[in-house]
Amino acid sequence: MKRKLLTTLLLLGLALGAFAGCRGTFSASQKAKTSDDPSVVLRIANCEEYIDLGDWGADETIELDDGTKIRGVDSMVKDYEKWYQETYGQKVRVEYSTYGTNEDLYNQMTLGNTFDLVCPSEYMIMKLMSEKRLVPLSKDFYEETKYHYYTKGVSPYIRDRLNDLRMGDERVGRYAAGYMWGTLGVVYNPEVVKDEDANHWNMFTNKAYRKRITIKDSIRDSFFGALGILNEKELKELEDKKQDPKEYEKRLDDMMNATDAKTVDQVESILTDMRENAYAMETDAGKQDLVTGKTGACLQWSGDAVFSMDQADEDGVALSYAVPEGASNLWFDGWVMMKDGIRQDKKKQQAAEAFIDFISRPDNVIRNMYYIGYTSCISGGDDPLIYDYLMYNYAADEDEKDTVDYDVSYFFRDTEGKGNYTFAVPKEQEKRQLFAQYPPEDVLERCVVMKCFDQEANQRISQMWTNIRCYRFPWEK
């Protein structure tokens, strides 16, 4: 399956940038040019390489079974400016900036950079909520009118998870519109790492894979993996509580969001072992190390996992993806409006919410997913285009024999829970790109959102991470 971003990077000699799906350096503002002075200026900040930048070749045109053709000629931002003027009769100029990590974004805003619309991860959204820095999405935004593509098309599964996630007494879904989502897991070469081992967090301390695996140079992701090792026994025992979903979810959430002093000390010990066992700690190079055979497995976000598998396919190497048993991380990136940017300006808020709607239109969702390789929070509602695109990528050929039925109904069903979205796929996709993009519902049941740390926990964990980072590999001394 071809990805625009993959193609671009291959042509550039696989330059290692900071594409991390809002998980892993702040660039100058990229101003969209327009010949006239618009009445609205919309300042948007997003992760690097996290939206369709256009310039697709004609051979990259996506043609679905119903004859629909999709191609990104201009950038998504430029197309939005045209669409907004045609739809609302008002000009808008987007000042579009990019950043590497959530922390980069936060630091830039702390230093005085002002944005109207930004796209951080769930924990940073929660932090901004706690600091009272966000503008809630308007009531009009949630009305199912003609151009409100987000409300009409967001997956009920994603909508419910965002609404279940709270900061204090407030729902995250009141402030955030989901953009991309996924899991944290393990990308591995099954010729090097056993499937059974890849399905357990303790693989990262398994001496059988010493210097053959990489871990994330990311405090939150590596901390979560270490929690999985620490709680392995308790997580296995917790399986018996699934008959009571609410109790199971609460205990799982508490266990995998623990930040007390005792837990942090135990995690530090495990992380020390993980780093000593690892080939390296990385933010982006792990994908290439895996493809070139330097390593056999790496801790990876699902979107980057798809990138790695696509890239390895080009080289004739079949990689797999696993979400470790017991528990894993479910993450979201979402669009939120900044209070110091919007400043009660109704026209600016309308333009910001319209941008969210525009990129939530099914054809634009497909453009973005194709370009970056991550999975959109949009299912399309009554519009079948996104599901058709899923089958375009993964459905088995009619004469293919080794197939399985793959059920994604949890994501595509309607708001009343109706709809059967099951189709035949090559059996290998149970462990590959499709699994990474749309894991089965029973896998997601054991995934939790990692919440933002409070000030005390943040200080404790930051000190722990400093201790871990002070360790040096022999060749680093």
Protein backbone atom coordinates (compact mmCIF):
# COMPACT_ATOMS: atom_id res chain seq x y z
CA MET A 1 0.00 0.00 0.00
CA LYS A 2 1.59 3.24 -1.13
CA ARG A 3 1.73 6.35 1.01
CA LYS A 4 2.51 9.84 -0.34
CA LEU A 5 4.82 10.60 2.59
CA LEU A 6 6.67 7.32 2.11
CA THR A 7 7.16 8.08 -1.57
CA THR A 8 8.43 11.57 -0.77
CA LEU A 9 10.93 10.36 1.81
CA LEU A 10 12.23 7.63 -0.44
CA LEU A 11 12.87 10.19 -3.16
CA LEU A 12 14.74 12.31 -0.64
CA GLY A 13 17.00 9.43 0.27
CA LEU A 14 14.92 8.63 3.35
CA ALA A 15 15.87 11.79 5.21
CA LEU A 16 15.07 11.27 8.87
CA GLY A 17 12.74 14.07 9.91
CA ALA A 18 10.70 14.59 13.03
CA PHE A 19 7.46 13.01 11.86
CA ALA A 20 5.93 11.53 14.99
CA GLY A 21 2.21 12.04 14.75
CA CYS A 22 2.40 14.76 17.38
CA ARG A 23 4.47 12.38 19.50
CA GLY A 24 8.24 13.24 18.48
CA THR A 25 11.69 21.75 15.84
CA PHE A 26 9.49 24.50 15.36
CA SER A 27 9.55 25.91 11.84
CA ALA A 28 8.93 29.40 10.62
CA SER A 29 5.32 30.24 9.85
CA GLN A 30 4.35 29.13 6.37
CA LYS A 31 1.98 31.81 5.16
CA ALA A 32 -0.50 30.96 2.48
CA LYS A 33 -0.31 33.63 -0.20
CA THR A 34 -3.29 35.53 -1.46
CA SER A 35 -3.52 38.55 -3.70
CA ASP A 36 -6.05 40.40 -1.55
CA ASP A 37 -6.05 41.32 2.10
CA PRO A 38 -8.55 38.95 3.75
CA SER A 39 -10.89 39.89 6.54
CA VAL A 40 -9.89 36.86 8.65
CA VAL A 41 -6.39 35.63 9.48
CA LEU A 42 -6.33 32.14 10.97
CA ARG A 43 -3.14 31.03 12.71
CA ILE A 44 -2.83 27.24 12.77
CA ALA A 45 -0.08 25.11 14.33
CA ASN A 46 0.19 21.41 13.58
CA CYS A 47 2.78 18.64 13.72
CA GLU A 48 5.29 18.44 10.91
CA GLU A 49 4.18 16.39 7.88
CA TYR A 50 0.77 15.88 9.50
CA ILE A 51 -1.52 17.13 6.75
CA ASP A 52 -1.71 16.73 2.98
CA LEU A 53 0.71 19.15 1.35
CA GLY A 54 -0.51 18.31 -2.15
CA ASP A 55 1.66 17.98 -5.24
CA TRP A 56 0.50 14.43 -5.97
CA GLY A 57 1.47 12.98 -9.30
CA ALA A 58 -1.30 11.89 -11.65
CA ASP A 59 -0.29 8.26 -11.06
CA GLU A 60 -1.10 8.70 -7.36
CA THR A 61 -4.77 9.39 -8.00
CA ILE A 62 -6.96 7.18 -5.81
CA GLU A 63 -9.84 5.71 -7.80
CA LEU A 64 -12.46 3.89 -5.72
CA ASP A 65 -14.85 1.23 -7.00
CA ASP A 66 -17.70 3.72 -7.37
CA GLY A 67 -15.58 5.84 -9.73
CA THR A 68 -14.65 8.51 -7.16
CA LYS A 69 -11.22 9.97 -7.90
CA ILE A 70 -9.17 11.63 -5.16
CA ARG A 71 -5.94 13.52 -5.70
CA GLY A 72 -4.16 16.21 -3.70
CA VAL A 73 -2.98 18.75 -6.26
CA ASP A 74 -2.81 21.82 -4.00
CA SER A 75 -2.19 21.69 -0.26
CA MET A 76 -5.09 21.07 2.10
CA VAL A 77 -4.61 24.54 3.56
CA LYS A 78 -4.80 26.24 0.16
CA ASP A 79 -7.88 24.22 -0.76
CA TYR A 80 -9.50 25.23 2.53
CA GLU A 81 -8.97 28.92 1.79
CA LYS A 82 -10.72 28.53 -1.57
CA TRP A 83 -13.55 26.45 -0.08
CA TYR A 84 -14.13 28.86 2.78
CA GLN A 85 -14.57 31.85 0.49
CA GLU A 86 -16.89 29.90 -1.81
CA THR A 87 -18.94 28.56 1.12
CA TYR A 88 -19.08 31.52 3.49
CA GLY A 89 -18.49 34.42 1.10
CA GLN A 90 -15.54 35.65 3.11
CA LYS A 91 -11.81 35.49 2.52
CA VAL A 92 -9.51 33.79 5.01
CA ARG A 93 -5.73 33.65 5.07
CA VAL A 94 -4.10 30.81 6.96
CA GLU A 95 -0.75 31.30 8.65
CA TYR A 96 0.34 27.70 9.03
CA SER A 97 3.17 26.69 11.38
CA THR A 98 4.61 23.33 12.34
CA TYR A 99 6.27 21.87 15.42
CA GLY A 100 7.95 18.62 16.41
CA THR A 101 6.48 17.59 19.75
CA ASN A 102 3.67 18.62 22.06
CA GLU A 103 6.28 20.09 24.37
CA ASP A 104 7.70 22.18 21.51
CA LEU A 105 4.23 23.60 20.92
CA TYR A 106 3.68 24.32 24.60
CA ASN A 107 7.07 26.01 24.96
CA GLN A 108 6.44 28.18 21.90
CA MET A 109 3.11 29.33 23.31
CA THR A 110 4.72 29.95 26.70
CA LEU A 111 7.32 32.13 24.99
CA GLY A 112 4.60 34.25 23.39
CA ASN A 113 3.68 32.67 20.07
CA THR A 114 -0.06 32.99 19.57
CA PHE A 115 -2.20 30.55 17.63
CA ASP A 116 -5.92 30.23 17.00
CA LEU A 117 -6.09 26.51 16.27
CA VAL A 118 -3.61 23.81 17.32
CA CYS A 119 -3.51 20.01 17.18
CA PRO A 120 -1.86 18.50 20.28
CA SER A 121 -2.24 15.06 21.80
CA GLU A 122 -4.84 14.21 24.43
CA TYR A 123 -2.60 14.75 27.47
CA MET A 124 -1.55 18.20 26.26
CA ILE A 125 -5.18 19.05 25.54
CA MET A 126 -5.96 18.11 29.14
CA LYS A 127 -3.09 20.28 30.39
CA LEU A 128 -4.36 23.26 28.38
CA MET A 129 -7.86 22.63 29.74
CA SER A 130 -6.53 22.65 33.30
CA GLU A 131 -4.88 26.01 32.60
CA LYS A 132 -8.15 27.45 31.22
CA ARG A 133 -6.50 28.28 27.88
CA LEU A 134 -9.03 26.72 25.51
CA VAL A 135 -12.23 27.91 23.88
CA PRO A 136 -15.01 25.29 23.84
CA LEU A 137 -16.40 24.27 20.48
CA SER A 138 -19.61 26.18 19.78
CA LYS A 139 -23.11 24.71 19.91
CA ASP A 140 -23.44 25.44 16.19
CA PHE A 141 -20.43 23.21 15.53
CA TYR A 142 -22.39 20.19 16.76
CA GLU A 143 -25.46 20.76 14.60
CA GLU A 144 -25.74 18.27 11.74
CA THR A 145 -26.04 20.79 8.94
CA LYS A 146 -24.69 20.59 5.39
CA TYR A 147 -21.10 21.66 5.97
CA HIS A 148 -20.63 20.26 9.47
CA TYR A 149 -18.63 17.27 8.30
CA TYR A 150 -17.05 16.59 11.68
CA THR A 151 -20.27 16.16 13.63
CA LYS A 152 -21.84 14.15 10.83
CA GLY A 153 -18.78 12.01 10.27
CA VAL A 154 -16.83 11.46 13.50
CA SER A 155 -16.77 7.81 14.49
CA PRO A 156 -19.19 7.18 17.39
CA TYR A 157 -16.40 5.16 19.00
CA ILE A 158 -14.03 8.14 18.95
CA ARG A 159 -16.76 10.56 20.01
CA ASP A 160 -17.61 8.44 23.02
CA ARG A 161 -13.97 7.97 24.06
CA LEU A 162 -13.35 11.72 23.89
CA ASN A 163 -16.49 12.42 25.92
CA ASP A 164 -15.54 9.79 28.50
CA LEU A 165 -12.15 11.46 28.94
CA ARG A 166 -12.36 14.25 31.50
CA MET A 167 -10.22 16.94 33.02
CA GLY A 168 -11.86 17.73 36.32
CA ASP A 169 -15.57 18.01 35.66
CA GLU A 170 -15.24 18.85 31.97
CA ARG A 171 -15.35 16.54 28.97
CA VAL A 172 -12.38 16.65 26.62
CA GLY A 173 -14.90 16.33 23.79
CA ARG A 174 -16.32 19.74 24.66
CA TYR A 175 -13.05 21.36 23.60
CA ALA A 176 -11.40 18.92 21.19
CA ALA A 177 -12.34 17.58 17.77
CA GLY A 178 -10.52 14.33 17.05
CA TYR A 179 -8.03 14.34 14.16
CA MET A 180 -5.96 11.14 14.23
CA TRP A 181 -5.87 8.23 16.66
CA GLY A 182 -4.04 4.99 17.29
CA THR A 183 -2.28 2.67 19.68
CA LEU A 184 1.20 2.16 21.09
CA GLY A 185 2.72 -1.18 20.19
CA VAL A 186 5.63 -3.15 18.84
CA VAL A 187 6.77 -3.29 15.22
CA TYR A 188 8.90 -6.36 14.72
CA ASN A 189 10.51 -8.68 12.22
CA PRO A 190 8.95 -12.12 12.81
CA GLU A 191 12.15 -13.68 11.45
CA VAL A 192 13.97 -12.21 14.47
CA VAL A 193 11.34 -11.84 17.20
CA LYS A 194 8.76 -14.47 18.07
CA ASP A 195 5.10 -13.43 17.80
CA GLU A 196 4.48 -14.53 21.38
CA ASP A 197 7.34 -12.39 22.70
CA ALA A 198 6.19 -9.31 20.76
CA ASN A 199 2.83 -9.60 22.50
CA HIS A 200 4.35 -8.97 25.95
CA TRP A 201 5.94 -5.83 27.33
CA ASN A 202 8.71 -7.85 29.03
CA MET A 203 10.21 -8.39 25.58
CA PHE A 204 12.02 -5.10 26.20
CA THR A 205 13.98 -6.64 29.09
CA ASN A 206 14.34 -10.08 27.48
CA LYS A 207 18.08 -10.82 27.18
CA ALA A 208 17.39 -12.95 24.11
CA TYR A 209 16.91 -9.65 22.26
CA ARG A 210 19.76 -7.73 23.83
CA LYS A 211 20.84 -4.89 21.51
CA ARG A 212 18.25 -5.97 18.93
CA ILE A 213 15.40 -3.68 20.02
CA THR A 214 14.89 0.07 20.38
CA ILE A 215 12.78 2.03 22.83
CA LYS A 216 11.36 5.52 22.65
CA ASP A 217 13.36 8.55 23.76
CA SER A 218 10.02 9.80 25.04
CA ILE A 219 9.26 9.96 28.72
CA ARG A 220 5.55 9.14 28.43
CA ASP A 221 5.77 6.25 25.98
CA SER A 222 8.69 4.46 27.62
CA PHE A 223 7.15 5.07 31.06
CA PHE A 224 3.97 3.39 29.84
CA GLY A 225 5.88 0.37 28.54
CA ALA A 226 7.67 -0.01 31.86
CA LEU A 227 4.31 0.15 33.66
CA GLY A 228 3.19 -2.75 31.48
CA ILE A 229 6.14 -4.81 32.72
CA LEU A 230 5.65 -3.73 36.34
CA ASN A 231 1.96 -4.63 36.34
CA GLU A 232 2.20 -7.81 34.25
CA LYS A 233 0.86 -10.12 36.97
CA GLU A 234 -1.90 -7.74 38.07
CA LEU A 235 -2.97 -7.15 34.48
CA LYS A 236 -3.31 -10.87 33.90
CA GLU A 237 -5.44 -11.22 37.04
CA LEU A 238 -7.53 -8.25 35.94
CA GLU A 239 -8.70 -10.19 32.89
CA ASP A 240 -11.18 -11.95 35.18
CA LYS A 241 -12.90 -8.61 35.87
CA LYS A 242 -14.01 -8.06 32.27
CA GLN A 243 -17.50 -9.26 33.15
CA ASP A 244 -17.88 -5.90 34.90
CA PRO A 245 -16.68 -3.48 32.19
CA LYS A 246 -16.83 -0.34 34.35
CA GLU A 247 -14.83 -1.91 37.17
CA TYR A 248 -12.35 -3.34 34.68
CA GLU A 249 -11.88 0.00 32.92
CA LYS A 250 -11.42 1.87 36.20
CA ARG A 251 -8.82 -0.51 37.58
CA LEU A 252 -6.99 -0.66 34.27
CA ASP A 253 -6.96 3.13 34.04
CA ASP A 254 -5.72 3.53 37.62
CA MET A 255 -2.99 0.93 37.14
CA MET A 256 -1.64 2.36 33.89
CA ASN A 257 -1.83 5.98 35.04
CA ALA A 258 -0.13 5.47 38.41
CA THR A 259 2.45 8.15 39.24
CA ASP A 260 2.97 7.72 43.00
CA ALA A 261 6.53 7.74 44.37
CA LYS A 262 6.72 3.96 44.87
CA THR A 263 5.55 3.25 41.33
CA VAL A 264 7.96 5.77 39.81
CA ASP A 265 10.89 4.22 41.71
CA GLN A 266 9.92 0.78 40.43
CA VAL A 267 9.50 2.07 36.89
CA GLU A 268 12.95 3.70 37.04
CA SER A 269 14.51 0.34 37.82
CA ILE A 270 12.66 -1.31 34.92
CA LEU A 271 13.52 1.51 32.52
CA THR A 272 17.18 1.16 33.46
CA ASP A 273 17.00 -2.50 32.47
CA MET A 274 15.12 -1.61 29.29
CA ARG A 275 17.73 0.92 28.23
CA GLU A 276 20.61 -1.41 29.04
CA ASN A 277 18.96 -4.10 26.92
CA ALA A 278 18.14 -1.75 24.04
CA TYR A 279 20.16 -1.02 20.92
CA ALA A 280 19.21 2.65 21.30
CA MET A 281 16.64 5.14 22.50
CA GLU A 282 15.15 6.96 19.53
CA THR A 283 12.35 9.22 18.37
CA ASP A 284 12.39 8.51 14.64
CA ALA A 285 15.43 6.44 13.58
CA GLY A 286 13.91 3.22 14.90
CA LYS A 287 11.86 2.79 11.73
CA GLN A 288 14.93 2.79 9.51
CA ASP A 289 17.00 0.64 11.90
CA LEU A 290 14.27 -1.99 11.70
CA VAL A 291 14.04 -1.91 7.92
CA THR A 292 17.82 -2.13 7.45
CA GLY A 293 18.08 -5.06 9.87
CA LYS A 294 20.06 -3.32 12.61
CA THR A 295 17.25 -4.22 15.00
CA GLY A 296 14.45 -6.75 15.19
CA ALA A 297 11.79 -4.74 16.99
CA CYS A 298 10.95 -1.25 18.19
CA LEU A 299 8.39 0.47 20.38
CA GLN A 300 6.23 2.41 17.95
CA TRP A 301 3.04 4.42 17.49
CA SER A 302 0.62 2.70 15.14
CA GLY A 303 0.89 5.33 12.41
CA ASP A 304 4.66 5.02 12.31
CA ALA A 305 4.19 1.25 12.38
CA VAL A 306 2.23 1.49 9.12
CA PHE A 307 5.01 3.65 7.66
CA SER A 308 7.63 1.08 8.71
CA MET A 309 5.70 -1.85 7.27
CA ASP A 310 5.05 -0.02 4.00
CA GLN A 311 8.70 0.91 3.71
CA ALA A 312 9.89 -2.61 4.51
CA ASP A 313 7.49 -4.01 1.90
CA GLU A 314 9.35 -1.94 -0.69
CA ASP A 315 12.51 -3.82 0.34
CA GLY A 316 10.87 -7.23 0.43
CA VAL A 317 10.78 -7.48 4.24
CA ALA A 318 7.47 -8.33 5.91
CA LEU A 319 7.19 -6.70 9.34
CA SER A 320 4.38 -7.21 11.84
CA TYR A 321 2.68 -5.11 14.52
CA ALA A 322 1.57 -6.21 17.98
CA VAL A 323 -0.33 -4.48 20.78
CA PRO A 324 1.03 -6.11 23.96
CA GLU A 325 -1.38 -8.13 26.05
CA GLY A 326 -2.60 -6.84 29.38
CA ALA A 327 -2.71 -3.15 28.49
CA SER A 328 -1.59 -0.60 25.97
CA ASN A 329 -1.99 3.08 25.21
CA LEU A 330 -4.84 4.54 23.16
CA TRP A 331 -3.91 8.01 21.94
CA PHE A 332 -5.66 10.86 20.15
CA ASP A 333 -4.53 14.05 18.47
CA GLY A 334 -7.22 16.69 18.33
CA TRP A 335 -7.97 20.23 17.18
CA VAL A 336 -8.51 22.83 19.90
CA MET A 337 -9.00 26.61 19.80
CA MET A 338 -6.73 28.80 21.91
CA LYS A 339 -8.35 31.48 24.03
CA ASP A 340 -5.54 34.01 23.55
CA GLY A 341 -5.83 33.62 19.78
CA ILE A 342 -9.59 33.55 19.23
CA ARG A 343 -10.26 36.34 21.76
CA GLN A 344 -14.06 36.08 21.42
CA ASP A 345 -13.78 36.89 17.71
CA LYS A 346 -16.82 35.09 16.24
CA LYS A 347 -15.55 35.32 12.65
CA LYS A 348 -12.24 33.80 13.64
CA GLN A 349 -13.95 31.05 15.61
CA GLN A 350 -16.20 30.30 12.65
CA ALA A 351 -13.13 30.03 10.40
CA ALA A 352 -11.37 27.74 12.89
CA GLU A 353 -14.36 25.42 13.24
CA ALA A 354 -14.86 25.47 9.47
CA PHE A 355 -11.27 24.30 9.03
CA ILE A 356 -12.00 21.30 11.25
CA ASP A 357 -15.10 20.57 9.20
CA PHE A 358 -13.28 20.93 5.89
CA ILE A 359 -10.55 18.43 6.77
CA SER A 360 -13.28 16.11 8.12
CA ARG A 361 -14.98 15.91 4.71
CA PRO A 362 -14.57 12.27 3.61
CA ASP A 363 -12.49 12.98 0.49
CA ASN A 364 -10.16 15.21 2.50
CA VAL A 365 -9.93 12.60 5.25
CA ILE A 366 -8.71 10.14 2.63
CA ARG A 367 -6.17 12.64 1.30
CA ASN A 368 -4.71 13.15 4.76
CA MET A 369 -4.63 9.45 5.62
CA TYR A 370 -2.93 8.63 2.33
CA TYR A 371 -0.37 11.39 2.76
CA ILE A 372 0.66 10.73 6.37
CA GLY A 373 -0.26 7.08 6.96
CA TYR A 374 -2.15 7.68 10.21
CA THR A 375 -5.79 6.83 10.93
CA SER A 376 -8.45 9.53 10.99
CA CYS A 377 -11.04 9.87 13.75
CA ILE A 378 -13.64 10.27 10.99
CA SER A 379 -15.68 7.29 9.79
CA GLY A 380 -17.84 9.35 7.41
CA GLY A 381 -21.31 8.84 8.91
CA ASP A 382 -23.78 8.18 6.10
CA ASP A 383 -21.08 8.71 3.48
CA PRO A 384 -19.43 5.32 2.65
CA LEU A 385 -16.32 6.84 1.06
CA ILE A 386 -13.90 6.17 3.94
CA TYR A 387 -15.04 2.57 4.37
CA ASP A 388 -14.72 2.13 0.60
CA TYR A 389 -11.16 3.45 0.87
CA LEU A 390 -10.45 0.94 3.63
CA MET A 391 -11.58 -1.90 1.38
CA TYR A 392 -9.65 -0.35 -1.53
CA ASN A 393 -6.51 -0.78 0.55
CA TYR A 394 -7.11 -4.09 2.28
CA ALA A 395 -9.95 -6.20 0.84
CA ALA A 396 -8.86 -9.62 -0.39
CA ASP A 397 -9.10 -10.44 -4.08
CA GLU A 398 -12.01 -12.68 -5.01
CA ASP A 399 -9.72 -15.59 -5.89
CA GLU A 400 -7.55 -15.21 -2.77
CA LYS A 401 -7.73 -18.30 -0.56
CA ASP A 402 -5.97 -17.56 2.74
CA THR A 403 -8.38 -14.94 4.06
CA VAL A 404 -10.20 -14.03 7.27
CA ASP A 405 -13.24 -11.89 8.00
CA TYR A 406 -12.18 -8.62 9.63
CA ASP A 407 -14.75 -6.66 11.63
CA VAL A 408 -14.47 -2.86 11.95
CA SER A 409 -18.12 -2.29 12.85
CA TYR A 410 -17.20 -0.66 16.18
CA PHE A 411 -15.65 2.22 14.23
CA PHE A 412 -18.04 2.59 11.30
CA ARG A 413 -21.42 1.74 12.84
CA ASP A 414 -23.99 4.52 13.15
CA THR A 415 -24.84 6.50 16.30
CA GLU A 416 -27.42 3.87 17.27
CA GLY A 417 -24.86 1.10 17.09
CA LYS A 418 -26.24 -0.34 13.88
CA GLY A 419 -24.32 -1.53 10.85
CA ASN A 420 -22.18 -4.53 9.97
CA TYR A 421 -18.81 -3.59 8.55
CA THR A 422 -17.01 -6.89 8.05
CA PHE A 423 -15.02 -7.83 4.97
CA ALA A 424 -12.57 -10.51 3.86
CA VAL A 425 -8.88 -9.60 4.05
CA PRO A 426 -5.61 -11.50 3.53
CA LYS A 427 -4.89 -13.38 6.75
CA GLU A 428 -1.53 -11.64 7.17
CA GLN A 429 -3.38 -8.36 7.80
CA GLU A 430 -4.36 -9.63 11.25
CA LYS A 431 -0.80 -8.68 12.24
CA ARG A 432 0.03 -5.98 9.74
CA GLN A 433 -1.13 -2.57 8.44
CA LEU A 434 -4.86 -3.12 8.86
CA PHE A 435 -4.37 -4.31 12.43
CA ALA A 436 -2.26 -1.20 13.14
CA GLN A 437 -4.83 1.16 11.62
CA TYR A 438 -8.04 -0.42 12.86
CA PRO A 439 -7.32 -2.92 15.67
CA PRO A 440 -10.19 -5.23 16.68
CA GLU A 441 -12.55 -3.99 19.36
CA ASP A 442 -11.36 -6.53 21.94
CA VAL A 443 -7.81 -5.13 21.62
CA LEU A 444 -9.06 -1.60 22.25
CA GLU A 445 -10.90 -2.75 25.37
CA ARG A 446 -7.53 -3.14 27.09
CA CYS A 447 -6.15 0.19 25.89
CA VAL A 448 -6.18 3.29 28.09
CA VAL A 449 -5.52 6.96 27.50
CA MET A 450 -2.44 8.17 29.36
CA LYS A 451 -3.49 11.30 31.18
CA CYS A 452 -1.47 14.43 31.82
CA PHE A 453 0.73 14.41 34.92
CA ASP A 454 -0.07 16.85 37.71
CA GLN A 455 2.71 19.18 38.84
CA GLU A 456 3.99 16.94 41.62
CA ALA A 457 3.98 13.82 39.45
CA ASN A 458 5.59 15.72 36.58
CA GLN A 459 8.51 16.79 38.79
CA ARG A 460 8.93 13.26 40.11
CA ILE A 461 8.84 11.62 36.69
CA SER A 462 11.04 14.28 35.08
CA GLN A 463 13.74 13.62 37.68
CA MET A 464 13.41 9.90 37.09
CA TRP A 465 13.77 10.43 33.34
CA THR A 466 16.88 12.56 33.89
CA ASN A 467 18.37 9.66 35.83
CA ILE A 468 17.57 7.28 32.97
CA ARG A 469 18.97 9.62 30.33
CA CYS A 470 22.22 9.96 32.28
CA TYR A 471 22.91 6.32 31.47
CA ARG A 472 25.15 6.07 28.43
CA PHE A 473 25.62 3.24 26.00
CA PRO A 474 29.28 2.11 25.78
CA TRP A 475 29.74 3.79 22.39
CA GLU A 476 28.24 7.03 23.75
CA LYS A 477 30.92 7.50 26.42
